[in-house]
């Protein structure tokens, strides 16, 4: 089976949005729940200078 250029482009192209937040550590749980209910997926969580850095993708 031979794919056309348009078919290959549609397979290889993925449009996504990302959002990174730096928040107070005690609010991390509520923030994660809020964004996940809105259709965002948490992809990375880390600690930066006592604060929590969250990265979401949609």
PDB file of N, CA and C in Angstrom:
ATOM      1  N   UNK A   1       0.845  -1.178   0.000  1.00  0.00           N
ATOM      2  CA  UNK A   1       0.000   0.000   0.000  1.00  0.00           C
ATOM      3  C   UNK A   1       0.889   1.240   0.000  1.00  0.00           C
ATOM      4  N   UNK A   2       0.640   2.125  -0.907  1.00  0.00           N
ATOM      5  CA  UNK A   2       1.428   3.350  -1.016  1.00  0.00           C
ATOM      6  C   UNK A   2       0.580   4.523  -0.521  1.00  0.00           C
ATOM      7  N   UNK A   3       1.156   5.316   0.378  1.00  0.00           N
ATOM      8  CA  UNK A   3       0.456   6.471   0.933  1.00  0.00           C
ATOM      9  C   UNK A   3       0.786   7.730   0.149  1.00  0.00           C
ATOM     10  N   UNK A   4      -0.183   8.593   0.015  1.00  0.00           N
ATOM     11  CA  UNK A   4       0.057   9.887  -0.619  1.00  0.00           C
ATOM     12  C   UNK A   4       0.707  10.830   0.382  1.00  0.00           C
ATOM     13  N   UNK A   5       1.247  11.926  -0.111  1.00  0.00           N
ATOM     14  CA  UNK A   5       1.877  12.918   0.769  1.00  0.00           C
ATOM     15  C   UNK A   5       0.879  13.457   1.784  1.00  0.00           C
ATOM     16  N   UNK A   6      -0.350  13.691   1.371  1.00  0.00           N
ATOM     17  CA  UNK A   6      -1.373  14.199   2.288  1.00  0.00           C
ATOM     18  C   UNK A   6      -1.685  13.200   3.382  1.00  0.00           C
ATOM     19  N   UNK A   7      -1.724  11.917   3.052  1.00  0.00           N
ATOM     20  CA  UNK A   7      -1.992  10.891   4.051  1.00  0.00           C
ATOM     21  C   UNK A   7      -0.845  10.811   5.054  1.00  0.00           C
ATOM     22  N   UNK A   8       0.371  10.874   4.575  1.00  0.00           N
ATOM     23  CA  UNK A   8       1.533  10.840   5.463  1.00  0.00           C
ATOM     24  C   UNK A   8       1.536  12.059   6.377  1.00  0.00           C
ATOM     25  N   UNK A   9       1.251  13.239   5.831  1.00  0.00           N
ATOM     26  CA  UNK A   9       1.217  14.469   6.620  1.00  0.00           C
ATOM     27  C   UNK A   9       0.163  14.373   7.717  1.00  0.00           C
ATOM     28  N   UNK A  10      -1.016  13.837   7.397  1.00  0.00           N
ATOM     29  CA  UNK A  10      -2.082  13.739   8.398  1.00  0.00           C
ATOM     30  C   UNK A  10      -1.714  12.760   9.510  1.00  0.00           C
ATOM     31  N   UNK A  11      -0.943  11.729   9.188  1.00  0.00           N
ATOM     32  CA  UNK A  11      -0.510  10.765  10.208  1.00  0.00           C
ATOM     33  C   UNK A  11       0.573  11.369  11.092  1.00  0.00           C
ATOM     34  N   UNK A  12       1.508  12.090  10.495  1.00  0.00           N
ATOM     35  CA  UNK A  12       2.661  12.604  11.218  1.00  0.00           C
ATOM     36  C   UNK A  12       2.414  13.921  11.943  1.00  0.00           C
ATOM     37  N   UNK A  13       1.381  14.637  11.582  1.00  0.00           N
ATOM     38  CA  UNK A  13       1.107  15.934  12.178  1.00  0.00           C
ATOM     39  C   UNK A  13       0.144  15.774  13.339  1.00  0.00           C
ATOM     40  N   UNK A  14       0.533  16.307  14.461  1.00  0.00           N
ATOM     41  CA  UNK A  14      -0.339  16.281  15.623  1.00  0.00           C
ATOM     42  C   UNK A  14      -0.364  17.679  16.207  1.00  0.00           C
ATOM     43  N   UNK A  15      -1.532  18.260  16.216  1.00  0.00           N
ATOM     44  CA  UNK A  15      -1.660  19.588  16.797  1.00  0.00           C
ATOM     45  C   UNK A  15      -2.002  19.425  18.277  1.00  0.00           C
ATOM     46  N   UNK A  16      -1.246  20.103  19.100  1.00  0.00           N
ATOM     47  CA  UNK A  16      -1.520  20.061  20.528  1.00  0.00           C
ATOM     48  C   UNK A  16      -1.179  21.407  21.145  1.00  0.00           C
ATOM     49  N   UNK A  17      -1.805  21.657  22.253  1.00  0.00           N
ATOM     50  CA  UNK A  17      -1.540  22.869  23.014  1.00  0.00           C
ATOM     51  C   UNK A  17      -0.882  22.443  24.312  1.00  0.00           C
ATOM     52  N   UNK A  18       0.003  23.252  24.816  1.00  0.00           N
ATOM     53  CA  UNK A  18       0.600  22.971  26.113  1.00  0.00           C
ATOM     54  C   UNK A  18       0.510  24.206  26.985  1.00  0.00           C
ATOM     55  N   UNK A  19       0.517  23.939  28.279  1.00  0.00           N
ATOM     56  CA  UNK A  19       0.421  25.024  29.250  1.00  0.00           C
ATOM     57  C   UNK A  19       1.299  24.637  30.431  1.00  0.00           C
ATOM     58  N   UNK A  20       2.142  25.568  30.872  1.00  0.00           N
ATOM     59  CA  UNK A  20       3.006  25.337  32.025  1.00  0.00           C
ATOM     60  C   UNK A  20       2.675  26.362  33.092  1.00  0.00           C
ATOM     61  N   UNK A  21       2.486  25.869  34.313  1.00  0.00           N
ATOM     62  CA  UNK A  21       2.126  26.727  35.438  1.00  0.00           C
ATOM     63  C   UNK A  21       3.139  26.573  36.554  1.00  0.00           C
ATOM     64  N   UNK A  22       3.435  27.636  37.241  1.00  0.00           N
ATOM     65  CA  UNK A  22       4.270  27.608  38.443  1.00  0.00           C
ATOM     66  C   UNK A  22       3.385  28.075  39.584  1.00  0.00           C
ATOM     67  N   UNK A  23       3.029  27.153  40.474  1.00  0.00           N
ATOM     68  CA  UNK A  23       2.058  27.450  41.517  1.00  0.00           C
ATOM     69  C   UNK A  23       2.598  27.071  42.892  1.00  0.00           C
ATOM     70  N   UNK A  24       1.883  27.520  43.917  1.00  0.00           N
ATOM     71  CA  UNK A  24       2.201  27.164  45.291  1.00  0.00           C
ATOM     72  C   UNK A  24       1.954  25.671  45.485  1.00  0.00           C
ATOM     73  N   UNK A  25       2.840  24.984  46.169  1.00  0.00           N
ATOM     74  CA  UNK A  25       2.750  23.526  46.306  1.00  0.00           C
ATOM     75  C   UNK A  25       1.458  23.053  46.947  1.00  0.00           C
ATOM     76  N   UNK A  26       0.896  23.827  47.871  1.00  0.00           N
ATOM     77  CA  UNK A  26      -0.319  23.387  48.554  1.00  0.00           C
ATOM     78  C   UNK A  26      -1.554  23.443  47.651  1.00  0.00           C
ATOM     79  N   UNK A  27      -1.486  24.156  46.539  1.00  0.00           N
ATOM     80  CA  UNK A  27      -2.609  24.251  45.605  1.00  0.00           C
ATOM     81  C   UNK A  27      -2.479  23.290  44.425  1.00  0.00           C
ATOM     82  N   UNK A  28      -1.444  22.481  44.389  1.00  0.00           N
ATOM     83  CA  UNK A  28      -1.171  21.627  43.230  1.00  0.00           C
ATOM     84  C   UNK A  28      -2.305  20.628  42.976  1.00  0.00           C
ATOM     85  N   UNK A  29      -2.794  19.977  43.996  1.00  0.00           N
ATOM     86  CA  UNK A  29      -3.847  18.973  43.827  1.00  0.00           C
ATOM     87  C   UNK A  29      -5.112  19.542  43.217  1.00  0.00           C
ATOM     88  N   UNK A  30      -5.553  20.676  43.730  1.00  0.00           N
ATOM     89  CA  UNK A  30      -6.765  21.318  43.206  1.00  0.00           C
ATOM     90  C   UNK A  30      -6.564  21.793  41.773  1.00  0.00           C
ATOM     91  N   UNK A  31      -5.380  22.317  41.483  1.00  0.00           N
ATOM     92  CA  UNK A  31      -5.098  22.807  40.135  1.00  0.00           C
ATOM     93  C   UNK A  31      -5.074  21.659  39.130  1.00  0.00           C
ATOM     94  N   UNK A  32      -4.460  20.546  39.496  1.00  0.00           N
ATOM     95  CA  UNK A  32      -4.414  19.375  38.615  1.00  0.00           C
ATOM     96  C   UNK A  32      -5.827  18.878  38.323  1.00  0.00           C
ATOM     97  N   UNK A  33      -6.654  18.758  39.355  1.00  0.00           N
ATOM     98  CA  UNK A  33      -8.039  18.312  39.177  1.00  0.00           C
ATOM     99  C   UNK A  33      -8.806  19.248  38.251  1.00  0.00           C
ATOM    100  N   UNK A  34      -8.646  20.554  38.447  1.00  0.00           N
ATOM    101  CA  UNK A  34      -9.348  21.544  37.634  1.00  0.00           C
ATOM    102  C   UNK A  34      -8.998  21.398  36.151  1.00  0.00           C
ATOM    103  N   UNK A  35      -7.704  21.314  35.848  1.00  0.00           N
ATOM    104  CA  UNK A  35      -7.282  21.222  34.453  1.00  0.00           C
ATOM    105  C   UNK A  35      -7.640  19.877  33.827  1.00  0.00           C
ATOM    106  N   UNK A  36      -7.573  18.786  34.589  1.00  0.00           N
ATOM    107  CA  UNK A  36      -7.944  17.483  34.047  1.00  0.00           C
ATOM    108  C   UNK A  36      -9.436  17.418  33.733  1.00  0.00           C
ATOM    109  N   UNK A  37     -10.267  18.061  34.534  1.00  0.00           N
ATOM    110  CA  UNK A  37     -11.702  18.114  34.242  1.00  0.00           C
ATOM    111  C   UNK A  37     -11.974  18.937  32.987  1.00  0.00           C
ATOM    112  N   UNK A  38     -11.093  19.882  32.682  1.00  0.00           N
ATOM    113  CA  UNK A  38     -11.245  20.740  31.510  1.00  0.00           C
ATOM    114  C   UNK A  38     -10.641  20.114  30.248  1.00  0.00           C
ATOM    115  N   UNK A  39     -10.161  18.858  30.344  1.00  0.00           N
ATOM    116  CA  UNK A  39      -9.651  18.149  29.177  1.00  0.00           C
ATOM    117  C   UNK A  39      -8.139  18.182  29.002  1.00  0.00           C
ATOM    118  N   UNK A  40      -7.408  18.729  29.944  1.00  0.00           N
ATOM    119  CA  UNK A  40      -5.954  18.783  29.876  1.00  0.00           C
ATOM    120  C   UNK A  40      -5.379  17.520  30.515  1.00  0.00           C
ATOM    121  N   UNK A  41      -4.191  17.108  30.075  1.00  0.00           N
ATOM    122  CA  UNK A  41      -3.510  15.942  30.626  1.00  0.00           C
ATOM    123  C   UNK A  41      -2.188  16.394  31.233  1.00  0.00           C
ATOM    124  N   UNK A  42      -1.950  16.023  32.470  1.00  0.00           N
ATOM    125  CA  UNK A  42      -0.698  16.370  33.146  1.00  0.00           C
ATOM    126  C   UNK A  42       0.431  15.513  32.571  1.00  0.00           C
ATOM    127  N   UNK A  43       1.476  16.150  32.053  1.00  0.00           N
ATOM    128  CA  UNK A  43       2.590  15.406  31.464  1.00  0.00           C
ATOM    129  C   UNK A  43       3.873  15.517  32.287  1.00  0.00           C
ATOM    130  N   UNK A  44       3.984  16.554  33.124  1.00  0.00           N
ATOM    131  CA  UNK A  44       5.186  16.702  33.936  1.00  0.00           C
ATOM    132  C   UNK A  44       4.887  17.526  35.180  1.00  0.00           C
ATOM    133  N   UNK A  45       5.437  17.082  36.292  1.00  0.00           N
ATOM    134  CA  UNK A  45       5.294  17.804  37.561  1.00  0.00           C
ATOM    135  C   UNK A  45       6.656  17.802  38.235  1.00  0.00           C
ATOM    136  N   UNK A  46       7.125  18.984  38.653  1.00  0.00           N
ATOM    137  CA  UNK A  46       8.416  19.079  39.314  1.00  0.00           C
ATOM    138  C   UNK A  46       8.406  20.205  40.338  1.00  0.00           C
ATOM    139  N   UNK A  47       9.399  20.175  41.216  1.00  0.00           N
ATOM    140  CA  UNK A  47       9.544  21.195  42.250  1.00  0.00           C
ATOM    141  C   UNK A  47      10.617  22.195  41.824  1.00  0.00           C
ATOM    142  N   UNK A  48      10.297  23.497  41.944  1.00  0.00           N
ATOM    143  CA  UNK A  48      11.235  24.557  41.595  1.00  0.00           C
ATOM    144  C   UNK A  48      11.195  25.602  42.711  1.00  0.00           C
ATOM    145  N   UNK A  49      12.271  25.707  43.474  1.00  0.00           N
ATOM    146  CA  UNK A  49      12.380  26.693  44.557  1.00  0.00           C
ATOM    147  C   UNK A  49      11.177  26.674  45.495  1.00  0.00           C
ATOM    148  N   UNK A  50      10.731  25.493  45.905  1.00  0.00           N
ATOM    149  CA  UNK A  50       9.618  25.382  46.837  1.00  0.00           C
ATOM    150  C   UNK A  50       8.248  25.532  46.208  1.00  0.00           C
ATOM    151  N   UNK A  51       8.188  25.697  44.920  1.00  0.00           N
ATOM    152  CA  UNK A  51       6.919  25.806  44.205  1.00  0.00           C
ATOM    153  C   UNK A  51       6.793  24.616  43.262  1.00  0.00           C
ATOM    154  N   UNK A  52       5.597  24.369  42.790  1.00  0.00           N
ATOM    155  CA  UNK A  52       5.352  23.241  41.900  1.00  0.00           C
ATOM    156  C   UNK A  52       5.173  23.730  40.472  1.00  0.00           C
ATOM    157  N   UNK A  53       5.883  23.109  39.567  1.00  0.00           N
ATOM    158  CA  UNK A  53       5.783  23.420  38.138  1.00  0.00           C
ATOM    159  C   UNK A  53       4.980  22.292  37.484  1.00  0.00           C
ATOM    160  N   UNK A  54       3.868  22.649  36.850  1.00  0.00           N
ATOM    161  CA  UNK A  54       2.994  21.676  36.202  1.00  0.00           C
ATOM    162  C   UNK A  54       2.946  21.964  34.712  1.00  0.00           C
ATOM    163  N   UNK A  55       3.078  20.933  33.906  1.00  0.00           N
ATOM    164  CA  UNK A  55       2.964  21.076  32.455  1.00  0.00           C
ATOM    165  C   UNK A  55       1.833  20.180  31.988  1.00  0.00           C
ATOM    166  N   UNK A  56       0.880  20.808  31.288  1.00  0.00           N
ATOM    167  CA  UNK A  56      -0.282  20.113  30.756  1.00  0.00           C
ATOM    168  C   UNK A  56      -0.254  20.155  29.244  1.00  0.00           C
ATOM    169  N   UNK A  57      -0.922  19.175  28.617  1.00  0.00           N
ATOM    170  CA  UNK A  57      -1.058  19.157  27.166  1.00  0.00           C
ATOM    171  C   UNK A  57      -2.512  18.839  26.823  1.00  0.00           C
ATOM    172  N   UNK A  58      -2.994  19.412  25.747  1.00  0.00           N
ATOM    173  CA  UNK A  58      -4.378  19.194  25.330  1.00  0.00           C
ATOM    174  C   UNK A  58      -4.416  18.733  23.897  1.00  0.00           C
TER     175      UNK A  58
END
